[in-house]
């Protein structure tokens, strides 16, 4: 069954090998690189990463472009579930526009709070990312990330989008497992 035809389901809360990972966000490439990879290969990679996350009891995976780049191909955001992991493939690398779009999806009768904005930004995921894996240099943050940086752990991997696979995600999760999360706070001195 192809990812676009699989039934979407809400995954149950779980922990990844005792790490309490609920939502992993992978950021790499741009719309032009995604288009060059081809739809079949892109979705195959997303399925592979989703299976890897599912095998580590991670219920949500988002794969997002690092940045926007001009392309004649229109890539659509997609959602599917593979082996119990809900996967979102988001080719839009402009975090500011994504933020504006999310605000526009909030019902005007609902109070605008941090929680309502977060729900609109992460939907269909029910949690903000615990781990953000960034394919790129640690000296530069992707423009596709605005909101996600406050409480997530960041792991930078120096690998091109075309070469990224489950083994790189495994290394990022191992790195995450060795950290003491502070959720945006500072260590007391």
C-alpha atoms as a PDB file:
ATOM      1  CA  UNK A   1       0.000   0.000   0.000  1.00  0.00           C
ATOM      2  CA  UNK A   2       1.450   3.398  -0.892  1.00  0.00           C
ATOM      3  CA  UNK A   3       1.889   6.021   1.825  1.00  0.00           C
ATOM      4  CA  UNK A   4      -0.696   8.328   0.282  1.00  0.00           C
ATOM      5  CA  UNK A   5      -3.385   5.638   0.508  1.00  0.00           C
ATOM      6  CA  UNK A   6      -2.652   4.372   4.008  1.00  0.00           C
ATOM      7  CA  UNK A   7      -5.154   5.132   6.724  1.00  0.00           C
ATOM      8  CA  UNK A   8      -4.232   7.906   9.114  1.00  0.00           C
ATOM      9  CA  UNK A   9      -4.498   6.947  12.735  1.00  0.00           C
ATOM     10  CA  UNK A  10      -3.588   8.650  15.964  1.00  0.00           C
ATOM     11  CA  UNK A  11      -0.609   6.822  17.450  1.00  0.00           C
ATOM     12  CA  UNK A  12      -0.644   5.876  21.093  1.00  0.00           C
ATOM     13  CA  UNK A  13       1.826   7.589  23.423  1.00  0.00           C
ATOM     14  CA  UNK A  14       5.076   5.683  23.610  1.00  0.00           C
ATOM     15  CA  UNK A  15       8.728   5.968  24.518  1.00  0.00           C
ATOM     16  CA  UNK A  16      11.706   5.364  22.276  1.00  0.00           C
ATOM     17  CA  UNK A  17      13.996   2.907  23.959  1.00  0.00           C
ATOM     18  CA  UNK A  18      13.304   4.640  27.270  1.00  0.00           C
ATOM     19  CA  UNK A  19      14.027   8.093  25.798  1.00  0.00           C
ATOM     20  CA  UNK A  20      10.462   9.443  25.890  1.00  0.00           C
ATOM     21  CA  UNK A  21      10.624  10.627  22.293  1.00  0.00           C
ATOM     22  CA  UNK A  22       7.155  11.551  21.121  1.00  0.00           C
ATOM     23  CA  UNK A  23       7.848  13.656  18.026  1.00  0.00           C
ATOM     24  CA  UNK A  24      10.971  13.737  15.848  1.00  0.00           C
ATOM     25  CA  UNK A  25      11.460  16.463  13.238  1.00  0.00           C
ATOM     26  CA  UNK A  26      14.016  15.978  10.454  1.00  0.00           C
ATOM     27  CA  UNK A  27      14.946  19.129   8.506  1.00  0.00           C
ATOM     28  CA  UNK A  28      16.973  18.822   5.314  1.00  0.00           C
ATOM     29  CA  UNK A  29      17.165  19.789   1.672  1.00  0.00           C
ATOM     30  CA  UNK A  30      14.948  22.283  -0.110  1.00  0.00           C
ATOM     31  CA  UNK A  31      11.962  21.970  -2.424  1.00  0.00           C
ATOM     32  CA  UNK A  32      14.204  21.807  -5.508  1.00  0.00           C
ATOM     33  CA  UNK A  33      16.317  18.999  -3.986  1.00  0.00           C
ATOM     34  CA  UNK A  34      13.188  17.148  -2.946  1.00  0.00           C
ATOM     35  CA  UNK A  35      11.792  17.453  -6.476  1.00  0.00           C
ATOM     36  CA  UNK A  36      15.113  16.274  -7.949  1.00  0.00           C
ATOM     37  CA  UNK A  37      14.987  13.222  -5.698  1.00  0.00           C
ATOM     38  CA  UNK A  38      11.628  12.330  -7.244  1.00  0.00           C
ATOM     39  CA  UNK A  39       8.301  11.609  -5.614  1.00  0.00           C
ATOM     40  CA  UNK A  40       8.789   7.842  -5.394  1.00  0.00           C
ATOM     41  CA  UNK A  41      12.224   8.118  -3.767  1.00  0.00           C
ATOM     42  CA  UNK A  42      11.064  10.899  -1.436  1.00  0.00           C
ATOM     43  CA  UNK A  43       8.106   8.881  -0.191  1.00  0.00           C
ATOM     44  CA  UNK A  44      10.235   5.749   0.075  1.00  0.00           C
ATOM     45  CA  UNK A  45      12.702   7.651   2.276  1.00  0.00           C
ATOM     46  CA  UNK A  46       9.856   9.002   4.416  1.00  0.00           C
ATOM     47  CA  UNK A  47       8.488   5.455   4.807  1.00  0.00           C
ATOM     48  CA  UNK A  48      11.954   4.162   5.763  1.00  0.00           C
ATOM     49  CA  UNK A  49      12.362   6.893   8.388  1.00  0.00           C
ATOM     50  CA  UNK A  50       8.804   6.291   9.638  1.00  0.00           C
ATOM     51  CA  UNK A  51       9.501   2.560  10.026  1.00  0.00           C
ATOM     52  CA  UNK A  52      12.691   3.361  11.913  1.00  0.00           C
ATOM     53  CA  UNK A  53      10.799   5.717  14.248  1.00  0.00           C
ATOM     54  CA  UNK A  54       8.043   3.129  14.715  1.00  0.00           C
ATOM     55  CA  UNK A  55      10.654   0.521  15.668  1.00  0.00           C
ATOM     56  CA  UNK A  56      11.790   2.930  18.412  1.00  0.00           C
ATOM     57  CA  UNK A  57       8.214   3.623  19.581  1.00  0.00           C
ATOM     58  CA  UNK A  58       8.231   7.208  18.274  1.00  0.00           C
ATOM     59  CA  UNK A  59       4.605   7.956  17.346  1.00  0.00           C
ATOM     60  CA  UNK A  60       5.191  11.143  15.267  1.00  0.00           C
ATOM     61  CA  UNK A  61       7.751  11.980  12.576  1.00  0.00           C
ATOM     62  CA  UNK A  62       7.827  15.179  10.554  1.00  0.00           C
ATOM     63  CA  UNK A  63      10.184  15.520   7.593  1.00  0.00           C
ATOM     64  CA  UNK A  64      10.521  19.147   6.472  1.00  0.00           C
ATOM     65  CA  UNK A  65      12.566  21.026   3.891  1.00  0.00           C
ATOM     66  CA  UNK A  66      15.459  23.043   5.324  1.00  0.00           C
ATOM     67  CA  UNK A  67      14.611  26.073   3.231  1.00  0.00           C
ATOM     68  CA  UNK A  68      12.585  27.178   0.264  1.00  0.00           C
ATOM     69  CA  UNK A  69      14.125  27.212  -3.183  1.00  0.00           C
ATOM     70  CA  UNK A  70      12.520  28.031  -6.511  1.00  0.00           C
ATOM     71  CA  UNK A  71      11.266  24.985  -8.353  1.00  0.00           C
ATOM     72  CA  UNK A  72       8.783  24.412 -11.137  1.00  0.00           C
ATOM     73  CA  UNK A  73       7.420  21.381  -9.274  1.00  0.00           C
ATOM     74  CA  UNK A  74       4.619  21.834  -6.775  1.00  0.00           C
ATOM     75  CA  UNK A  75       5.144  19.554  -3.829  1.00  0.00           C
ATOM     76  CA  UNK A  76       2.261  19.013  -1.446  1.00  0.00           C
ATOM     77  CA  UNK A  77       2.323  18.340   2.262  1.00  0.00           C
ATOM     78  CA  UNK A  78       1.384  14.713   2.976  1.00  0.00           C
ATOM     79  CA  UNK A  79       0.406  12.647   5.979  1.00  0.00           C
ATOM     80  CA  UNK A  80       0.414   8.872   6.326  1.00  0.00           C
ATOM     81  CA  UNK A  81       0.935   6.218   8.959  1.00  0.00           C
ATOM     82  CA  UNK A  82       3.521   3.474   8.671  1.00  0.00           C
ATOM     83  CA  UNK A  83       3.849   0.726  11.284  1.00  0.00           C
ATOM     84  CA  UNK A  84       2.161   2.926  13.904  1.00  0.00           C
ATOM     85  CA  UNK A  85       4.216   6.067  13.283  1.00  0.00           C
ATOM     86  CA  UNK A  86       2.300   9.029  11.847  1.00  0.00           C
ATOM     87  CA  UNK A  87       4.526  10.706   9.247  1.00  0.00           C
ATOM     88  CA  UNK A  88       4.158  14.231   7.871  1.00  0.00           C
ATOM     89  CA  UNK A  89       6.180  15.170   4.792  1.00  0.00           C
ATOM     90  CA  UNK A  90       6.311  18.973   4.558  1.00  0.00           C
ATOM     91  CA  UNK A  91       8.212  20.447   1.578  1.00  0.00           C
ATOM     92  CA  UNK A  92       7.610  24.045   2.650  1.00  0.00           C
ATOM     93  CA  UNK A  93      10.808  25.526   4.022  1.00  0.00           C
ATOM     94  CA  UNK A  94       9.550  29.021   4.833  1.00  0.00           C
ATOM     95  CA  UNK A  95       8.894  28.975   8.569  1.00  0.00           C
ATOM     96  CA  UNK A  96       7.432  32.468   8.621  1.00  0.00           C
ATOM     97  CA  UNK A  97       4.831  31.579   5.995  1.00  0.00           C
ATOM     98  CA  UNK A  98       4.053  28.302   7.763  1.00  0.00           C
ATOM     99  CA  UNK A  99       3.462  30.310  10.956  1.00  0.00           C
ATOM    100  CA  UNK A 100       1.123  32.729   9.147  1.00  0.00           C
ATOM    101  CA  UNK A 101      -0.758  29.809   7.553  1.00  0.00           C
ATOM    102  CA  UNK A 102      -1.153  28.121  10.957  1.00  0.00           C
ATOM    103  CA  UNK A 103      -2.561  31.295  12.504  1.00  0.00           C
ATOM    104  CA  UNK A 104      -5.028  31.487   9.598  1.00  0.00           C
ATOM    105  CA  UNK A 105      -6.268  27.942  10.357  1.00  0.00           C
ATOM    106  CA  UNK A 106      -7.207  28.829  13.934  1.00  0.00           C
ATOM    107  CA  UNK A 107     -10.911  29.452  14.383  1.00  0.00           C
ATOM    108  CA  UNK A 108     -11.365  33.190  15.088  1.00  0.00           C
ATOM    109  CA  UNK A 109     -13.719  32.356  17.960  1.00  0.00           C
ATOM    110  CA  UNK A 110     -10.920  30.454  19.740  1.00  0.00           C
ATOM    111  CA  UNK A 111      -8.618  32.391  22.062  1.00  0.00           C
ATOM    112  CA  UNK A 112      -5.184  32.820  20.506  1.00  0.00           C
ATOM    113  CA  UNK A 113      -2.721  31.269  22.966  1.00  0.00           C
ATOM    114  CA  UNK A 114       0.620  29.495  22.791  1.00  0.00           C
ATOM    115  CA  UNK A 115      -1.247  26.180  22.960  1.00  0.00           C
ATOM    116  CA  UNK A 116      -3.635  26.984  20.086  1.00  0.00           C
ATOM    117  CA  UNK A 117      -0.754  28.206  17.910  1.00  0.00           C
ATOM    118  CA  UNK A 118       1.286  25.090  18.725  1.00  0.00           C
ATOM    119  CA  UNK A 119      -1.636  22.793  17.863  1.00  0.00           C
ATOM    120  CA  UNK A 120      -2.096  24.552  14.529  1.00  0.00           C
ATOM    121  CA  UNK A 121       1.629  24.403  13.703  1.00  0.00           C
ATOM    122  CA  UNK A 122       2.205  20.746  14.617  1.00  0.00           C
ATOM    123  CA  UNK A 123      -1.085  19.269  13.385  1.00  0.00           C
ATOM    124  CA  UNK A 124      -1.691  16.457  12.894  1.00  0.00           C
ATOM    125  CA  UNK A 125       1.006  15.693  15.509  1.00  0.00           C
ATOM    126  CA  UNK A 126      -0.230  16.179  19.044  1.00  0.00           C
ATOM    127  CA  UNK A 127       3.092  17.285  20.497  1.00  0.00           C
ATOM    128  CA  UNK A 128       5.925  19.641  19.723  1.00  0.00           C
ATOM    129  CA  UNK A 129       9.157  17.991  18.562  1.00  0.00           C
ATOM    130  CA  UNK A 130      11.403  16.540  21.258  1.00  0.00           C
ATOM    131  CA  UNK A 131      14.254  16.131  18.801  1.00  0.00           C
ATOM    132  CA  UNK A 132      15.056  18.228  15.734  1.00  0.00           C
ATOM    133  CA  UNK A 133      17.611  16.658  13.394  1.00  0.00           C
ATOM    134  CA  UNK A 134      19.099  19.333  11.137  1.00  0.00           C
ATOM    135  CA  UNK A 135      21.019  18.365   8.019  1.00  0.00           C
ATOM    136  CA  UNK A 136      23.459  21.219   7.841  1.00  0.00           C
ATOM    137  CA  UNK A 137      26.108  23.163   9.688  1.00  0.00           C
ATOM    138  CA  UNK A 138      25.709  23.861  13.409  1.00  0.00           C
ATOM    139  CA  UNK A 139      26.479  27.515  12.766  1.00  0.00           C
ATOM    140  CA  UNK A 140      23.216  28.156  10.927  1.00  0.00           C
ATOM    141  CA  UNK A 141      19.593  27.508  11.823  1.00  0.00           C
ATOM    142  CA  UNK A 142      17.156  26.611   9.068  1.00  0.00           C
ATOM    143  CA  UNK A 143      14.621  29.300   8.148  1.00  0.00           C
ATOM    144  CA  UNK A 144      11.946  26.582   8.248  1.00  0.00           C
ATOM    145  CA  UNK A 145      12.247  26.474  12.043  1.00  0.00           C
ATOM    146  CA  UNK A 146      10.792  29.264  14.084  1.00  0.00           C
ATOM    147  CA  UNK A 147       8.598  27.900  16.808  1.00  0.00           C
ATOM    148  CA  UNK A 148      10.251  24.494  17.246  1.00  0.00           C
ATOM    149  CA  UNK A 149      13.508  25.779  18.709  1.00  0.00           C
ATOM    150  CA  UNK A 150      12.361  26.731  22.201  1.00  0.00           C
ATOM    151  CA  UNK A 151      12.225  23.314  23.877  1.00  0.00           C
ATOM    152  CA  UNK A 152      13.525  20.780  21.354  1.00  0.00           C
ATOM    153  CA  UNK A 153      16.949  19.214  21.448  1.00  0.00           C
ATOM    154  CA  UNK A 154      18.893  19.975  18.267  1.00  0.00           C
ATOM    155  CA  UNK A 155      21.221  17.503  16.570  1.00  0.00           C
ATOM    156  CA  UNK A 156      23.158  18.733  13.540  1.00  0.00           C
ATOM    157  CA  UNK A 157      24.321  16.186  10.988  1.00  0.00           C
ATOM    158  CA  UNK A 158      26.724  17.077   8.187  1.00  0.00           C
ATOM    159  CA  UNK A 159      25.160  14.996   5.447  1.00  0.00           C
ATOM    160  CA  UNK A 160      23.416  15.996   2.254  1.00  0.00           C
ATOM    161  CA  UNK A 161      19.658  15.463   1.984  1.00  0.00           C
ATOM    162  CA  UNK A 162      20.181  13.025  -0.907  1.00  0.00           C
ATOM    163  CA  UNK A 163      22.355  10.826   1.347  1.00  0.00           C
ATOM    164  CA  UNK A 164      20.294  10.946   4.561  1.00  0.00           C
ATOM    165  CA  UNK A 165      18.895   7.652   5.830  1.00  0.00           C
ATOM    166  CA  UNK A 166      17.789   5.718   8.898  1.00  0.00           C
ATOM    167  CA  UNK A 167      21.394   5.170  10.016  1.00  0.00           C
ATOM    168  CA  UNK A 168      21.793   8.954  10.392  1.00  0.00           C
ATOM    169  CA  UNK A 169      18.534   9.189  12.316  1.00  0.00           C
ATOM    170  CA  UNK A 170      19.761   6.376  14.551  1.00  0.00           C
ATOM    171  CA  UNK A 171      22.937   8.343  15.309  1.00  0.00           C
ATOM    172  CA  UNK A 172      20.866  11.443  16.122  1.00  0.00           C
ATOM    173  CA  UNK A 173      18.626   9.490  18.492  1.00  0.00           C
ATOM    174  CA  UNK A 174      21.716   8.014  20.176  1.00  0.00           C
ATOM    175  CA  UNK A 175      23.080  11.545  20.609  1.00  0.00           C
ATOM    176  CA  UNK A 176      19.720  12.627  22.059  1.00  0.00           C
ATOM    177  CA  UNK A 177      19.802   9.688  24.484  1.00  0.00           C
ATOM    178  CA  UNK A 178      23.057  10.924  25.993  1.00  0.00           C
ATOM    179  CA  UNK A 179      21.703  14.370  26.837  1.00  0.00           C
ATOM    180  CA  UNK A 180      20.051  15.767  29.928  1.00  0.00           C
ATOM    181  CA  UNK A 181      17.058  17.730  28.676  1.00  0.00           C
ATOM    182  CA  UNK A 182      16.495  21.168  30.181  1.00  0.00           C
ATOM    183  CA  UNK A 183      13.429  22.152  28.081  1.00  0.00           C
ATOM    184  CA  UNK A 184      14.822  25.604  27.349  1.00  0.00           C
ATOM    185  CA  UNK A 185      16.124  26.173  30.865  1.00  0.00           C
ATOM    186  CA  UNK A 186      19.665  26.741  32.048  1.00  0.00           C
ATOM    187  CA  UNK A 187      21.732  24.538  34.308  1.00  0.00           C
ATOM    188  CA  UNK A 188      22.099  26.028  37.798  1.00  0.00           C
ATOM    189  CA  UNK A 189      25.669  27.138  38.430  1.00  0.00           C
END
